[in-house]
Amino acid sequence: MIVSVSIHHSLIDLISDELLEQLHSVGHLKQCHDGQMIHAQADKSIGLSIILDGRVRFGLYTKDGTFYLTGILCPGHCYGEVTLFADRPRAYHAEAFGEPEILVIGQSAFDALYDRESAFARAVTQTITQRLYESLDFADDLRRVPIEGRIARLLLRTARIGGFDD
Protein backbone atom coordinates (compact mmCIF):
# COMPACT_ATOMS: atom_id res chain seq x y z
CA MET A 1 0.00 0.00 0.00
CA ILE A 2 1.28 3.48 -0.88
CA VAL A 3 0.58 6.15 1.68
CA SER A 4 1.01 9.74 0.57
CA VAL A 5 1.05 12.83 2.69
CA SER A 6 0.28 16.12 1.02
CA ILE A 7 2.65 18.97 1.65
CA HIS A 8 1.23 22.42 1.25
CA HIS A 9 2.59 25.87 1.67
CA SER A 10 1.65 28.11 4.54
CA LEU A 11 0.18 31.56 4.00
CA ILE A 12 3.49 33.17 4.93
CA ASP A 13 5.28 30.97 2.37
CA LEU A 14 2.98 32.38 -0.30
CA ILE A 15 3.19 36.11 0.39
CA SER A 16 5.96 38.67 -0.01
CA ASP A 17 7.79 40.31 2.86
CA GLU A 18 6.02 43.55 1.95
CA LEU A 19 2.59 41.91 2.33
CA LEU A 20 3.65 40.43 5.64
CA GLU A 21 4.67 43.91 6.81
CA GLN A 22 1.25 45.21 5.79
CA LEU A 23 -0.39 42.44 7.81
CA HIS A 24 1.71 43.38 10.84
CA SER A 25 0.69 47.01 10.46
CA VAL A 26 -3.07 46.23 10.45
CA GLY A 27 -3.15 43.31 12.88
CA HIS A 28 -2.39 42.82 16.53
CA LEU A 29 -0.06 40.30 18.15
CA LYS A 30 -1.37 37.79 20.63
CA GLN A 31 1.12 36.00 22.89
CA CYS A 32 -0.17 32.72 24.30
CA HIS A 33 0.96 30.36 27.05
CA ASP A 34 1.09 26.58 26.70
CA GLY A 35 -2.39 25.11 27.03
CA GLN A 36 -4.12 28.50 26.89
CA MET A 37 -7.54 28.48 25.24
CA ILE A 38 -7.27 30.80 22.24
CA HIS A 39 -10.92 30.43 21.33
CA ALA A 40 -13.69 27.98 22.00
CA GLN A 41 -15.90 26.08 19.61
CA ALA A 42 -18.87 28.23 18.56
CA ASP A 43 -16.97 31.44 19.40
CA LYS A 44 -18.21 34.15 17.07
CA SER A 45 -15.01 36.22 17.02
CA ILE A 46 -14.25 37.17 13.43
CA GLY A 47 -10.77 37.37 11.94
CA LEU A 48 -7.82 35.66 10.36
CA SER A 49 -5.18 34.33 12.73
CA ILE A 50 -1.66 33.76 11.42
CA ILE A 51 0.71 31.70 13.55
CA LEU A 52 4.06 33.48 13.59
CA ASP A 53 5.79 31.22 16.11
CA GLY A 54 4.83 28.06 17.96
CA ARG A 55 1.88 25.79 17.26
CA VAL A 56 -1.86 25.76 17.79
CA ARG A 57 -3.84 22.58 18.29
CA PHE A 58 -7.48 22.20 17.32
CA GLY A 59 -10.05 19.76 18.60
CA LEU A 60 -13.27 19.16 20.43
CA TYR A 61 -14.06 18.45 24.06
CA THR A 62 -16.59 15.84 25.07
CA LYS A 63 -19.00 16.28 27.97
CA ASP A 64 -16.58 14.39 30.23
CA GLY A 65 -13.73 16.78 29.37
CA THR A 66 -11.82 14.51 26.98
CA PHE A 67 -10.08 16.47 24.21
CA TYR A 68 -10.16 14.95 20.73
CA LEU A 69 -7.38 16.40 18.61
CA THR A 70 -8.35 17.17 15.02
CA GLY A 71 -5.27 19.06 13.88
CA ILE A 72 -2.17 21.08 14.64
CA LEU A 73 -1.03 24.15 12.74
CA CYS A 74 2.51 25.47 12.89
CA PRO A 75 4.29 28.75 12.04
CA GLY A 76 3.16 30.43 8.86
CA HIS A 77 -0.23 28.78 8.76
CA CYS A 78 -3.51 30.59 9.27
CA TYR A 79 -7.01 29.83 10.45
CA GLY A 80 -10.30 31.60 10.92
CA GLU A 81 -11.20 31.95 7.25
CA VAL A 82 -14.66 30.49 7.84
CA THR A 83 -15.48 33.41 10.13
CA LEU A 84 -14.60 35.84 7.35
CA PHE A 85 -16.06 34.14 4.28
CA ALA A 86 -18.95 32.06 5.59
CA ASP A 87 -20.10 34.11 8.58
CA ARG A 88 -19.90 30.96 10.70
CA PRO A 89 -18.67 30.55 14.28
CA ARG A 90 -15.45 28.72 15.10
CA ALA A 91 -15.84 24.98 14.50
CA TYR A 92 -13.16 23.83 16.97
CA HIS A 93 -11.48 24.75 20.18
CA ALA A 94 -8.03 26.25 19.56
CA GLU A 95 -5.37 25.90 22.23
CA ALA A 96 -1.78 27.03 22.45
CA PHE A 97 0.63 24.16 21.94
CA GLY A 98 3.81 25.59 23.39
CA GLU A 99 3.88 29.38 23.45
CA PRO A 100 2.67 30.57 20.08
CA GLU A 101 2.69 34.13 18.84
CA ILE A 102 -0.34 34.84 16.67
CA LEU A 103 -1.04 37.78 14.39
CA VAL A 104 -4.78 38.51 14.37
CA ILE A 105 -6.29 40.41 11.44
CA GLY A 106 -9.81 41.76 12.04
CA GLN A 107 -12.62 41.74 9.50
CA SER A 108 -12.29 45.32 8.17
CA ALA A 109 -8.50 45.16 7.85
CA PHE A 110 -8.73 41.74 6.19
CA ASP A 111 -11.40 42.91 3.74
CA ALA A 112 -9.42 46.02 2.78
CA LEU A 113 -6.21 44.07 2.18
CA TYR A 114 -8.04 41.24 0.40
CA ASP A 115 -9.70 43.71 -1.97
CA ARG A 116 -6.58 45.82 -2.54
CA GLU A 117 -3.86 43.14 -2.86
CA SER A 118 -4.57 40.42 -5.40
CA ALA A 119 -1.45 38.52 -4.29
CA PHE A 120 -2.86 38.32 -0.77
CA ALA A 121 -6.26 37.19 -2.07
CA ARG A 122 -4.58 34.47 -4.17
CA ALA A 123 -2.48 33.28 -1.22
CA VAL A 124 -5.50 33.05 1.10
CA THR A 125 -7.51 31.25 -1.60
CA GLN A 126 -4.63 28.83 -2.20
CA THR A 127 -4.34 27.94 1.50
CA ILE A 128 -8.10 27.37 1.77
CA THR A 129 -8.08 25.24 -1.38
CA GLN A 130 -5.17 23.15 -0.08
CA ARG A 131 -6.99 22.56 3.20
CA LEU A 132 -10.18 21.60 1.32
CA TYR A 133 -8.17 19.13 -0.78
CA GLU A 134 -6.68 17.56 2.35
CA SER A 135 -10.16 17.27 3.89
CA LEU A 136 -11.53 15.56 0.79
CA ASP A 137 -8.48 13.29 0.70
CA PHE A 138 -9.06 12.39 4.35
CA ALA A 139 -12.74 11.66 3.70
CA ASP A 140 -11.74 9.41 0.79
CA ASP A 141 -9.24 7.60 3.05
CA LEU A 142 -12.02 6.89 5.54
CA ARG A 143 -13.94 5.09 2.80
CA ARG A 144 -11.12 3.21 1.09
CA VAL A 145 -7.91 2.95 3.14
CA PRO A 146 -7.53 0.35 5.91
CA ILE A 147 -6.98 1.67 9.43
CA GLU A 148 -3.22 0.90 9.26
CA GLY A 149 -2.83 3.18 6.24
CA ARG A 150 -4.82 5.99 7.88
CA ILE A 151 -2.68 5.72 11.02
CA ALA A 152 0.50 5.81 8.92
CA ARG A 153 -0.70 8.96 7.16
CA LEU A 154 -1.63 10.60 10.45
CA LEU A 155 1.81 9.82 11.91
CA LEU A 156 3.55 11.22 8.83
CA ARG A 157 1.46 14.41 8.92
CA THR A 158 2.10 14.83 12.64
CA ALA A 159 5.85 14.34 12.21
CA ARG A 160 5.91 16.79 9.29
CA ILE A 161 4.40 19.60 11.34
CA GLY A 162 6.51 18.91 14.42
CA GLY A 163 3.63 17.48 16.42
CA PHE A 164 5.87 15.13 18.39
CA ASP A 165 7.77 16.38 21.43
CA ASP A 166 11.50 15.64 21.49
C-alpha atoms as a PDB file:
ATOM      1  CA  MET A   1       0.000   0.000   0.000  1.00  0.00           C
ATOM      2  CA  ILE A   2       1.278   3.481  -0.879  1.00  0.00           C
ATOM      3  CA  VAL A   3       0.582   6.152   1.681  1.00  0.00           C
ATOM      4  CA  SER A   4       1.005   9.744   0.568  1.00  0.00           C
ATOM      5  CA  VAL A   5       1.053  12.827   2.687  1.00  0.00           C
ATOM      6  CA  SER A   6       0.280  16.119   1.023  1.00  0.00           C
ATOM      7  CA  ILE A   7       2.652  18.968   1.651  1.00  0.00           C
ATOM      8  CA  HIS A   8       1.234  22.418   1.252  1.00  0.00           C
ATOM      9  CA  HIS A   9       2.586  25.869   1.673  1.00  0.00           C
ATOM     10  CA  SER A  10       1.648  28.111   4.537  1.00  0.00           C
ATOM     11  CA  LEU A  11       0.177  31.557   4.001  1.00  0.00           C
ATOM     12  CA  ILE A  12       3.487  33.174   4.933  1.00  0.00           C
ATOM     13  CA  ASP A  13       5.279  30.968   2.368  1.00  0.00           C
ATOM     14  CA  LEU A  14       2.977  32.382  -0.295  1.00  0.00           C
ATOM     15  CA  ILE A  15       3.194  36.114   0.391  1.00  0.00           C
ATOM     16  CA  SER A  16       5.956  38.670  -0.007  1.00  0.00           C
ATOM     17  CA  ASP A  17       7.787  40.308   2.864  1.00  0.00           C
ATOM     18  CA  GLU A  18       6.018  43.547   1.952  1.00  0.00           C
ATOM     19  CA  LEU A  19       2.592  41.911   2.327  1.00  0.00           C
ATOM     20  CA  LEU A  20       3.653  40.428   5.642  1.00  0.00           C
ATOM     21  CA  GLU A  21       4.674  43.909   6.805  1.00  0.00           C
ATOM     22  CA  GLN A  22       1.245  45.213   5.790  1.00  0.00           C
ATOM     23  CA  LEU A  23      -0.393  42.439   7.810  1.00  0.00           C
ATOM     24  CA  HIS A  24       1.706  43.376  10.835  1.00  0.00           C
ATOM     25  CA  SER A  25       0.686  47.014  10.457  1.00  0.00           C
ATOM     26  CA  VAL A  26      -3.067  46.235  10.450  1.00  0.00           C
ATOM     27  CA  GLY A  27      -3.147  43.311  12.880  1.00  0.00           C
ATOM     28  CA  HIS A  28      -2.390  42.822  16.530  1.00  0.00           C
ATOM     29  CA  LEU A  29      -0.062  40.300  18.148  1.00  0.00           C
ATOM     30  CA  LYS A  30      -1.375  37.793  20.631  1.00  0.00           C
ATOM     31  CA  GLN A  31       1.118  35.996  22.892  1.00  0.00           C
ATOM     32  CA  CYS A  32      -0.168  32.717  24.303  1.00  0.00           C
ATOM     33  CA  HIS A  33       0.957  30.359  27.047  1.00  0.00           C
ATOM     34  CA  ASP A  34       1.091  26.585  26.699  1.00  0.00           C
ATOM     35  CA  GLY A  35      -2.392  25.111  27.033  1.00  0.00           C
ATOM     36  CA  GLN A  36      -4.119  28.499  26.890  1.00  0.00           C
ATOM     37  CA  MET A  37      -7.535  28.478  25.235  1.00  0.00           C
ATOM     38  CA  ILE A  38      -7.274  30.802  22.237  1.00  0.00           C
ATOM     39  CA  HIS A  39     -10.915  30.433  21.328  1.00  0.00           C
ATOM     40  CA  ALA A  40     -13.693  27.976  22.005  1.00  0.00           C
ATOM     41  CA  GLN A  41     -15.900  26.077  19.613  1.00  0.00           C
ATOM     42  CA  ALA A  42     -18.870  28.232  18.563  1.00  0.00           C
ATOM     43  CA  ASP A  43     -16.972  31.439  19.395  1.00  0.00           C
ATOM     44  CA  LYS A  44     -18.214  34.152  17.073  1.00  0.00           C
ATOM     45  CA  SER A  45     -15.008  36.219  17.017  1.00  0.00           C
ATOM     46  CA  ILE A  46     -14.248  37.169  13.431  1.00  0.00           C
ATOM     47  CA  GLY A  47     -10.769  37.371  11.943  1.00  0.00           C
ATOM     48  CA  LEU A  48      -7.824  35.665  10.358  1.00  0.00           C
ATOM     49  CA  SER A  49      -5.178  34.328  12.734  1.00  0.00           C
ATOM     50  CA  ILE A  50      -1.655  33.757  11.421  1.00  0.00           C
ATOM     51  CA  ILE A  51       0.715  31.697  13.552  1.00  0.00           C
ATOM     52  CA  LEU A  52       4.064  33.483  13.595  1.00  0.00           C
ATOM     53  CA  ASP A  53       5.786  31.222  16.109  1.00  0.00           C
ATOM     54  CA  GLY A  54       4.833  28.061  17.962  1.00  0.00           C
ATOM     55  CA  ARG A  55       1.881  25.795  17.260  1.00  0.00           C
ATOM     56  CA  VAL A  56      -1.863  25.762  17.786  1.00  0.00           C
ATOM     57  CA  ARG A  57      -3.840  22.580  18.289  1.00  0.00           C
ATOM     58  CA  PHE A  58      -7.483  22.204  17.321  1.00  0.00           C
ATOM     59  CA  GLY A  59     -10.051  19.762  18.600  1.00  0.00           C
ATOM     60  CA  LEU A  60     -13.271  19.164  20.428  1.00  0.00           C
ATOM     61  CA  TYR A  61     -14.061  18.450  24.065  1.00  0.00           C
ATOM     62  CA  THR A  62     -16.591  15.840  25.072  1.00  0.00           C
ATOM     63  CA  LYS A  63     -19.000  16.285  27.971  1.00  0.00           C
ATOM     64  CA  ASP A  64     -16.584  14.388  30.233  1.00  0.00           C
ATOM     65  CA  GLY A  65     -13.727  16.781  29.367  1.00  0.00           C
ATOM     66  CA  THR A  66     -11.823  14.513  26.984  1.00  0.00           C
ATOM     67  CA  PHE A  67     -10.075  16.467  24.215  1.00  0.00           C
ATOM     68  CA  TYR A  68     -10.158  14.950  20.727  1.00  0.00           C
ATOM     69  CA  LEU A  69      -7.376  16.399  18.610  1.00  0.00           C
ATOM     70  CA  THR A  70      -8.346  17.165  15.019  1.00  0.00           C
ATOM     71  CA  GLY A  71      -5.269  19.059  13.878  1.00  0.00           C
ATOM     72  CA  ILE A  72      -2.168  21.077  14.640  1.00  0.00           C
ATOM     73  CA  LEU A  73      -1.031  24.151  12.736  1.00  0.00           C
ATOM     74  CA  CYS A  74       2.509  25.474  12.888  1.00  0.00           C
ATOM     75  CA  PRO A  75       4.287  28.745  12.038  1.00  0.00           C
ATOM     76  CA  GLY A  76       3.163  30.425   8.856  1.00  0.00           C
ATOM     77  CA  HIS A  77      -0.234  28.785   8.759  1.00  0.00           C
ATOM     78  CA  CYS A  78      -3.509  30.595   9.274  1.00  0.00           C
ATOM     79  CA  TYR A  79      -7.006  29.828  10.447  1.00  0.00           C
ATOM     80  CA  GLY A  80     -10.304  31.597  10.921  1.00  0.00           C
ATOM     81  CA  GLU A  81     -11.195  31.945   7.245  1.00  0.00           C
ATOM     82  CA  VAL A  82     -14.655  30.488   7.841  1.00  0.00           C
ATOM     83  CA  THR A  83     -15.479  33.414  10.133  1.00  0.00           C
ATOM     84  CA  LEU A  84     -14.602  35.841   7.346  1.00  0.00           C
ATOM     85  CA  PHE A  85     -16.057  34.141   4.277  1.00  0.00           C
ATOM     86  CA  ALA A  86     -18.948  32.055   5.591  1.00  0.00           C
ATOM     87  CA  ASP A  87     -20.098  34.107   8.577  1.00  0.00           C
ATOM     88  CA  ARG A  88     -19.904  30.964  10.701  1.00  0.00           C
ATOM     89  CA  PRO A  89     -18.673  30.550  14.277  1.00  0.00           C
ATOM     90  CA  ARG A  90     -15.452  28.717  15.099  1.00  0.00           C
ATOM     91  CA  ALA A  91     -15.837  24.977  14.502  1.00  0.00           C
ATOM     92  CA  TYR A  92     -13.159  23.828  16.969  1.00  0.00           C
ATOM     93  CA  HIS A  93     -11.476  24.750  20.184  1.00  0.00           C
ATOM     94  CA  ALA A  94      -8.034  26.250  19.560  1.00  0.00           C
ATOM     95  CA  GLU A  95      -5.369  25.896  22.227  1.00  0.00           C
ATOM     96  CA  ALA A  96      -1.778  27.032  22.450  1.00  0.00           C
ATOM     97  CA  PHE A  97       0.632  24.157  21.941  1.00  0.00           C
ATOM     98  CA  GLY A  98       3.806  25.589  23.390  1.00  0.00           C
ATOM     99  CA  GLU A  99       3.880  29.378  23.451  1.00  0.00           C
ATOM    100  CA  PRO A 100       2.668  30.574  20.075  1.00  0.00           C
ATOM    101  CA  GLU A 101       2.688  34.133  18.836  1.00  0.00           C
ATOM    102  CA  ILE A 102      -0.336  34.844  16.668  1.00  0.00           C
ATOM    103  CA  LEU A 103      -1.036  37.782  14.389  1.00  0.00           C
ATOM    104  CA  VAL A 104      -4.778  38.510  14.373  1.00  0.00           C
ATOM    105  CA  ILE A 105      -6.286  40.411  11.444  1.00  0.00           C
ATOM    106  CA  GLY A 106      -9.810  41.756  12.044  1.00  0.00           C
ATOM    107  CA  GLN A 107     -12.624  41.744   9.504  1.00  0.00           C
ATOM    108  CA  SER A 108     -12.293  45.316   8.174  1.00  0.00           C
ATOM    109  CA  ALA A 109      -8.501  45.160   7.849  1.00  0.00           C
ATOM    110  CA  PHE A 110      -8.728  41.743   6.193  1.00  0.00           C
ATOM    111  CA  ASP A 111     -11.400  42.911   3.741  1.00  0.00           C
ATOM    112  CA  ALA A 112      -9.425  46.016   2.779  1.00  0.00           C
ATOM    113  CA  LEU A 113      -6.214  44.074   2.180  1.00  0.00           C
ATOM    114  CA  TYR A 114      -8.040  41.240   0.403  1.00  0.00           C
ATOM    115  CA  ASP A 115      -9.700  43.712  -1.970  1.00  0.00           C
ATOM    116  CA  ARG A 116      -6.576  45.819  -2.535  1.00  0.00           C
ATOM    117  CA  GLU A 117      -3.856  43.142  -2.855  1.00  0.00           C
ATOM    118  CA  SER A 118      -4.574  40.418  -5.397  1.00  0.00           C
ATOM    119  CA  ALA A 119      -1.445  38.518  -4.291  1.00  0.00           C
ATOM    120  CA  PHE A 120      -2.857  38.317  -0.771  1.00  0.00           C
ATOM    121  CA  ALA A 121      -6.258  37.193  -2.073  1.00  0.00           C
ATOM    122  CA  ARG A 122      -4.582  34.466  -4.167  1.00  0.00           C
ATOM    123  CA  ALA A 123      -2.483  33.277  -1.219  1.00  0.00           C
ATOM    124  CA  VAL A 124      -5.499  33.050   1.099  1.00  0.00           C
ATOM    125  CA  THR A 125      -7.507  31.247  -1.598  1.00  0.00           C
ATOM    126  CA  GLN A 126      -4.632  28.832  -2.195  1.00  0.00           C
ATOM    127  CA  THR A 127      -4.340  27.940   1.503  1.00  0.00           C
ATOM    128  CA  ILE A 128      -8.099  27.373   1.766  1.00  0.00           C
ATOM    129  CA  THR A 129      -8.076  25.236  -1.376  1.00  0.00           C
ATOM    130  CA  GLN A 130      -5.170  23.153  -0.077  1.00  0.00           C
ATOM    131  CA  ARG A 131      -6.990  22.555   3.203  1.00  0.00           C
ATOM    132  CA  LEU A 132     -10.176  21.596   1.320  1.00  0.00           C
ATOM    133  CA  TYR A 133      -8.165  19.133  -0.783  1.00  0.00           C
ATOM    134  CA  GLU A 134      -6.683  17.563   2.352  1.00  0.00           C
ATOM    135  CA  SER A 135     -10.156  17.271   3.886  1.00  0.00           C
ATOM    136  CA  LEU A 136     -11.533  15.564   0.790  1.00  0.00           C
ATOM    137  CA  ASP A 137      -8.476  13.293   0.695  1.00  0.00           C
ATOM    138  CA  PHE A 138      -9.058  12.392   4.346  1.00  0.00           C
ATOM    139  CA  ALA A 139     -12.742  11.660   3.699  1.00  0.00           C
ATOM    140  CA  ASP A 140     -11.738   9.410   0.792  1.00  0.00           C
ATOM    141  CA  ASP A 141      -9.237   7.603   3.046  1.00  0.00           C
ATOM    142  CA  LEU A 142     -12.024   6.895   5.540  1.00  0.00           C
ATOM    143  CA  ARG A 143     -13.936   5.087   2.804  1.00  0.00           C
ATOM    144  CA  ARG A 144     -11.115   3.213   1.089  1.00  0.00           C
ATOM    145  CA  VAL A 145      -7.914   2.948   3.142  1.00  0.00           C
ATOM    146  CA  PRO A 146      -7.532   0.353   5.911  1.00  0.00           C
ATOM    147  CA  ILE A 147      -6.975   1.668   9.430  1.00  0.00           C
ATOM    148  CA  GLU A 148      -3.224   0.903   9.258  1.00  0.00           C
ATOM    149  CA  GLY A 149      -2.835   3.184   6.239  1.00  0.00           C
ATOM    150  CA  ARG A 150      -4.818   5.988   7.883  1.00  0.00           C
ATOM    151  CA  ILE A 151      -2.678   5.720  11.017  1.00  0.00           C
ATOM    152  CA  ALA A 152       0.505   5.812   8.920  1.00  0.00           C
ATOM    153  CA  ARG A 153      -0.696   8.962   7.156  1.00  0.00           C
ATOM    154  CA  LEU A 154      -1.628  10.595  10.446  1.00  0.00           C
ATOM    155  CA  LEU A 155       1.807   9.816  11.908  1.00  0.00           C
ATOM    156  CA  LEU A 156       3.549  11.216   8.830  1.00  0.00           C
ATOM    157  CA  ARG A 157       1.464  14.409   8.917  1.00  0.00           C
ATOM    158  CA  THR A 158       2.105  14.827  12.640  1.00  0.00           C
ATOM    159  CA  ALA A 159       5.851  14.344  12.207  1.00  0.00           C
ATOM    160  CA  ARG A 160       5.908  16.791   9.288  1.00  0.00           C
ATOM    161  CA  ILE A 161       4.404  19.602  11.340  1.00  0.00           C
ATOM    162  CA  GLY A 162       6.512  18.909  14.415  1.00  0.00           C
ATOM    163  CA  GLY A 163       3.627  17.484  16.419  1.00  0.00           C
ATOM    164  CA  PHE A 164       5.874  15.134  18.392  1.00  0.00           C
ATOM    165  CA  ASP A 165       7.768  16.376  21.428  1.00  0.00           C
ATOM    166  CA  ASP A 166      11.500  15.643  21.487  1.00  0.00           C
END
